[in-house]
Every structure is written in structure tokens, then in C-alpha cells.
Amino acid sequence: MRTTSLLLTGLLIVGCKNPGAEVAPAKVEAAPGTKAEAAPSGEPDDGRAGSLAINPSNSKIEFVGAKVTASHDGGFTDFSGRVELGEPVEASVIELTIQTNSLFADKEKLTKHLKSPDFFDVTKFPTATFRSTEIKKDGEGHTISGDLTLHGVTKRISFPATVTVTESEVNANAEFSINRQDFGIAYAGMKDDLIRDLVVIKLSLELPRKS
């Protein structure tokens, strides 16, 4: 009976995929000495024709985390920022601030744990920020680079994205993984069900342009 139980457990563990290993990893480097600045409130700057607001009404910021035996979906409901649209689009700048306390996961207990000092520590680190430093054409898509400050740690990351511009809107989508250890989020989990280091980040922006 014991042998059968161990065998079934082993099959369960082996059978669970690692979502972070199935998407492109972000390139992570040391950021310059200056800390990334927080993005503005998300209201468009009327003095800039190319300033487009980012907020939950037109965008999504989601993630997928996993342990050995299961994966969990989550995201954020409170964030703001803007895209300073350039011509060409590669001359654009993206700024974003996430309120980490708006984090949610697919289980209420997990949501509370992710907000704790074991993970995001939202009381100590109430925001996460991103500011792009470069957007370049890369084959059929783009590579976006910028400074990400998460859990009090700033790193320069580069990730694949698709960016399209029409007369009516700007669309940007990205799906990539980051290693939580790079940002000092090191909680290991249970010895028999360790938490995976790679976390999938999903970004979806559908920004209406000013008429």
C-alpha cells in the first residue's frame, strides 16, 4: 500500500508541467544605480498628443505561478501608467505602476499568502514599477527593455512583445517568464511540494488613441 501511494505521488509530481519553462524567459541584467521612478497617475497628459493612459479599463496584468504539483493564475486589479507614443513606435516610452495590494490569485488563501512577507510583502513594498528604456524591432515582433522594480529590487529586463498601432488604438501583448529569485522572493514552499522559481507574466494593453 505504501509503495503504491509513493508511486502515485511520484507520477503526480512528474506529470505537472512548469508553466514558466514553456514561455520565453526575460533577459535580466543589473540595472543602473538610479532606482526606477514611479509612473504617473495614468491620466493622459493633454499637452502630449501621443500620451495614452494605461489602466484596468483597457489593460490586463496577469501571472501564472507554480509549485511542483500545481499551477495558479493571478493578476493585479489596480495599476496605472502611460505610453508616450513615438514615431516610429520604437521611439515610444512605457511607464507603469502596480499597487501590489491589488494582487489576486485563484484561491483566497493563496491571495493572502502571496501578499505576505513570504512573497510580495505588500505592506513593505506597496508598489512595483516599470519604465522602458528601449523598444526595438525583432523579427515579426519587438523586444522591450526597461527597469522593473519589484520587491524593492530593480533589474533591467528585456522581453518579447507584439506592438501594433492603428488610427484608433495601440495594442501591446507580451508573455514571458521571470525568476522570482532575481527579485529577492525566495520562499521555498513545502519540502515535498517546492515552489518553482519561474513565474509567467502576461501583459495585454489595448489603448484607445485620442481623436
Protein backbone atom coordinates (compact mmCIF):
# COMPACT_ATOMS: atom_id res chain seq x y z
CA MET A 1 0.00 0.00 0.00
CA ARG A 2 2.81 2.37 0.93
CA THR A 3 4.65 1.57 -2.30
CA THR A 4 1.52 2.23 -4.37
CA SER A 5 0.95 5.55 -2.62
CA LEU A 6 4.51 6.67 -3.24
CA LEU A 7 4.25 5.63 -6.88
CA LEU A 8 1.06 7.63 -7.40
CA THR A 9 2.61 10.67 -5.73
CA GLY A 10 5.65 10.36 -7.97
CA LEU A 11 3.51 10.16 -11.08
CA LEU A 12 1.56 13.24 -9.99
CA ILE A 13 4.72 15.27 -9.45
CA VAL A 14 6.28 14.20 -12.74
CA GLY A 15 3.06 14.88 -14.63
CA CYS A 16 2.74 18.55 -13.62
CA LYS A 17 4.29 20.92 -16.13
CA ASN A 18 6.30 24.01 -15.27
CA PRO A 19 4.46 26.92 -16.98
CA GLY A 20 7.47 29.21 -16.67
CA ALA A 21 9.59 26.82 -18.74
CA GLU A 22 7.11 26.91 -21.63
CA VAL A 23 7.44 30.61 -22.47
CA ALA A 24 10.39 32.80 -23.42
CA PRO A 25 12.44 33.93 -20.41
CA ALA A 26 13.12 37.61 -19.90
CA LYS A 27 16.76 38.61 -20.08
CA VAL A 28 17.67 40.05 -16.66
CA GLU A 29 20.63 42.32 -16.00
CA ALA A 30 21.82 44.63 -13.27
CA ALA A 31 20.10 47.99 -13.60
CA PRO A 32 21.92 51.33 -13.44
CA GLY A 33 22.43 52.75 -9.96
CA THR A 34 19.38 55.00 -10.03
CA LYS A 35 16.14 53.43 -8.93
CA ALA A 36 13.31 53.33 -11.47
CA GLU A 37 10.89 56.18 -10.87
CA ALA A 38 7.20 55.56 -10.25
CA ALA A 39 4.99 56.10 -13.26
CA PRO A 40 2.42 58.89 -13.24
CA SER A 41 -1.19 58.55 -12.21
CA GLY A 42 -2.35 57.19 -15.54
CA GLU A 43 -4.28 60.28 -16.64
CA PRO A 44 -3.26 61.30 -20.17
CA ASP A 45 -1.17 64.44 -20.45
CA ASP A 46 -3.33 66.71 -22.63
CA GLY A 47 -0.21 68.59 -23.69
CA ARG A 48 1.10 65.48 -25.44
CA ALA A 49 -0.87 64.17 -28.36
CA GLY A 50 0.87 60.82 -28.10
CA SER A 51 0.23 60.19 -24.39
CA LEU A 52 -2.05 57.18 -23.84
CA ALA A 53 -3.31 56.13 -20.40
CA ILE A 54 -2.81 52.60 -19.07
CA ASN A 55 -5.40 51.46 -16.53
CA PRO A 56 -7.54 48.40 -15.71
CA SER A 57 -10.26 49.51 -18.12
CA ASN A 58 -8.02 48.91 -21.13
CA SER A 59 -5.25 46.61 -19.92
CA LYS A 60 -4.52 43.40 -18.03
CA ILE A 61 -1.52 42.40 -15.93
CA GLU A 62 -1.62 38.70 -15.06
CA PHE A 63 0.75 36.00 -13.88
CA VAL A 64 1.00 32.23 -13.52
CA GLY A 65 2.96 30.79 -10.62
CA ALA A 66 3.54 27.14 -9.87
CA LYS A 67 4.70 24.61 -7.35
CA VAL A 68 5.69 21.08 -8.21
CA THR A 69 2.16 19.67 -8.07
CA ALA A 70 0.03 22.55 -9.38
CA SER A 71 -0.04 25.97 -11.03
CA HIS A 72 -2.12 29.02 -10.11
CA ASP A 73 -3.37 32.02 -12.06
CA GLY A 74 -3.38 35.55 -10.69
CA GLY A 75 -3.03 39.21 -11.51
CA PHE A 76 -3.48 42.80 -10.34
CA THR A 77 -6.57 44.99 -10.37
CA ASP A 78 -5.04 48.38 -9.52
CA PHE A 79 -2.36 49.84 -11.77
CA SER A 80 -1.77 52.97 -13.82
CA GLY A 81 0.68 54.43 -16.25
CA ARG A 82 1.05 55.64 -19.79
CA VAL A 83 2.57 55.09 -23.19
CA GLU A 84 4.28 58.10 -24.72
CA LEU A 85 3.67 57.12 -28.32
CA GLY A 86 6.56 57.89 -30.63
CA GLU A 87 7.04 57.91 -34.37
CA PRO A 88 8.09 55.29 -35.23
CA VAL A 89 6.59 53.16 -32.48
CA GLU A 90 10.09 52.07 -31.43
CA ALA A 91 10.60 55.62 -30.13
CA SER A 92 7.77 55.16 -27.59
CA VAL A 93 8.19 55.00 -23.80
CA ILE A 94 6.11 52.85 -21.44
CA GLU A 95 5.68 53.70 -17.73
CA LEU A 96 3.68 51.65 -15.26
CA THR A 97 3.00 51.49 -11.52
CA ILE A 98 1.25 48.49 -9.92
CA GLN A 99 -0.35 48.64 -6.48
CA THR A 100 0.78 45.29 -5.11
CA ASN A 101 -2.05 45.06 -2.57
CA SER A 102 -4.43 44.64 -5.52
CA LEU A 103 -2.91 41.22 -6.18
CA PHE A 104 -5.33 38.32 -6.58
CA ALA A 105 -4.93 34.59 -7.12
CA ASP A 106 -7.35 31.79 -7.97
CA LYS A 107 -7.61 30.77 -4.31
CA GLU A 108 -8.39 33.16 -1.45
CA LYS A 109 -5.88 31.53 0.90
CA LEU A 110 -3.17 31.83 -1.73
CA THR A 111 -4.01 35.51 -2.32
CA LYS A 112 -3.38 36.24 1.36
CA HIS A 113 -0.14 34.25 1.35
CA LEU A 114 1.19 35.99 -1.76
CA LYS A 115 0.63 39.38 -0.09
CA SER A 116 2.60 38.28 2.99
CA PRO A 117 6.35 38.75 3.67
CA ASP A 118 6.94 35.28 2.21
CA PHE A 119 6.26 36.72 -1.25
CA PHE A 120 5.31 40.25 -2.33
CA ASP A 121 5.30 41.73 1.20
CA VAL A 122 2.79 44.35 0.07
CA THR A 123 2.96 46.37 3.29
CA LYS A 124 6.70 46.94 2.93
CA PHE A 125 6.66 47.18 -0.88
CA PRO A 126 3.30 48.72 -1.86
CA THR A 127 4.21 49.32 -5.50
CA ALA A 128 6.03 47.69 -8.38
CA THR A 129 7.16 49.86 -11.28
CA PHE A 130 8.36 49.51 -14.85
CA ARG A 131 9.83 52.09 -17.21
CA SER A 132 11.00 51.12 -20.66
CA THR A 133 14.45 52.12 -21.85
CA GLU A 134 14.30 50.69 -25.36
CA ILE A 135 11.79 49.23 -27.80
CA LYS A 136 13.31 47.62 -30.86
CA LYS A 137 12.02 45.69 -33.82
CA ASP A 138 12.81 41.98 -33.56
CA GLY A 139 11.67 39.86 -36.49
CA GLU A 140 7.87 39.97 -36.71
CA GLY A 141 7.61 41.44 -33.20
CA HIS A 142 9.51 43.63 -30.77
CA THR A 143 11.81 43.38 -27.79
CA ILE A 144 11.02 45.73 -24.91
CA SER A 145 13.73 46.55 -22.37
CA GLY A 146 13.31 48.53 -19.18
CA ASP A 147 13.81 48.81 -15.45
CA LEU A 148 11.50 46.69 -13.30
CA THR A 149 11.37 47.40 -9.58
CA LEU A 150 9.73 44.55 -7.67
CA HIS A 151 10.00 43.64 -4.00
CA GLY A 152 12.43 46.54 -3.54
CA VAL A 153 14.84 45.23 -6.20
CA THR A 154 15.45 46.96 -9.53
CA LYS A 155 16.61 44.94 -12.54
CA ARG A 156 16.79 45.73 -16.22
CA ILE A 157 14.74 43.18 -18.11
CA SER A 158 14.19 42.53 -21.81
CA PHE A 159 11.25 40.51 -23.12
CA PRO A 160 9.50 39.71 -26.41
CA ALA A 161 6.28 41.55 -27.29
CA THR A 162 3.99 42.36 -30.17
CA VAL A 163 3.11 46.01 -30.66
CA THR A 164 0.67 47.28 -33.28
CA VAL A 165 -0.53 50.82 -33.95
CA THR A 166 -3.69 51.78 -35.85
CA GLU A 167 -5.51 55.06 -36.23
CA SER A 168 -7.85 54.13 -33.39
CA GLU A 169 -5.67 52.26 -30.84
CA VAL A 170 -2.34 50.86 -29.75
CA ASN A 171 -2.10 47.18 -28.85
CA ALA A 172 0.76 45.59 -26.97
CA ASN A 173 0.92 41.99 -25.80
CA ALA A 174 3.65 40.03 -24.07
CA GLU A 175 4.08 36.68 -22.35
CA PHE A 176 7.41 35.78 -20.76
CA SER A 177 8.89 34.42 -17.55
CA ILE A 178 10.97 35.99 -14.79
CA ASN A 179 12.85 34.27 -11.99
CA ARG A 180 11.43 35.39 -8.65
CA GLN A 181 14.80 34.78 -7.01
CA ASP A 182 16.23 37.67 -9.07
CA PHE A 183 13.95 39.97 -7.07
CA GLY A 184 14.59 38.50 -3.63
CA ILE A 185 11.38 36.46 -3.46
CA ALA A 186 12.89 33.26 -2.14
CA TYR A 187 10.20 31.41 -0.13
CA ALA A 188 10.79 27.74 -0.93
CA GLY A 189 7.44 26.18 -0.07
CA MET A 190 6.88 22.73 1.42
CA LYS A 191 9.73 20.23 1.21
CA ASP A 192 7.53 17.77 -0.68
CA ASP A 193 5.97 20.43 -2.93
CA LEU A 194 8.56 23.12 -3.70
CA ILE A 195 7.59 26.37 -5.40
CA ARG A 196 9.04 26.86 -8.85
CA ASP A 197 11.27 29.88 -9.43
CA LEU A 198 9.93 30.85 -12.86
CA VAL A 199 6.77 32.97 -12.96
CA VAL A 200 4.88 33.68 -16.17
CA ILE A 201 3.99 37.33 -16.77
CA LYS A 202 1.16 38.18 -19.17
CA LEU A 203 0.60 41.75 -20.38
CA SER A 204 -2.25 42.91 -22.58
CA LEU A 205 -2.71 46.60 -23.46
CA GLU A 206 -5.49 47.92 -25.73
CA LEU A 207 -5.08 51.68 -25.57
CA PRO A 208 -7.52 53.94 -27.45
CA ARG A 209 -5.90 56.86 -29.22
CA LYS A 210 -7.15 60.42 -28.90
CA SER A 211 -9.43 61.56 -31.64
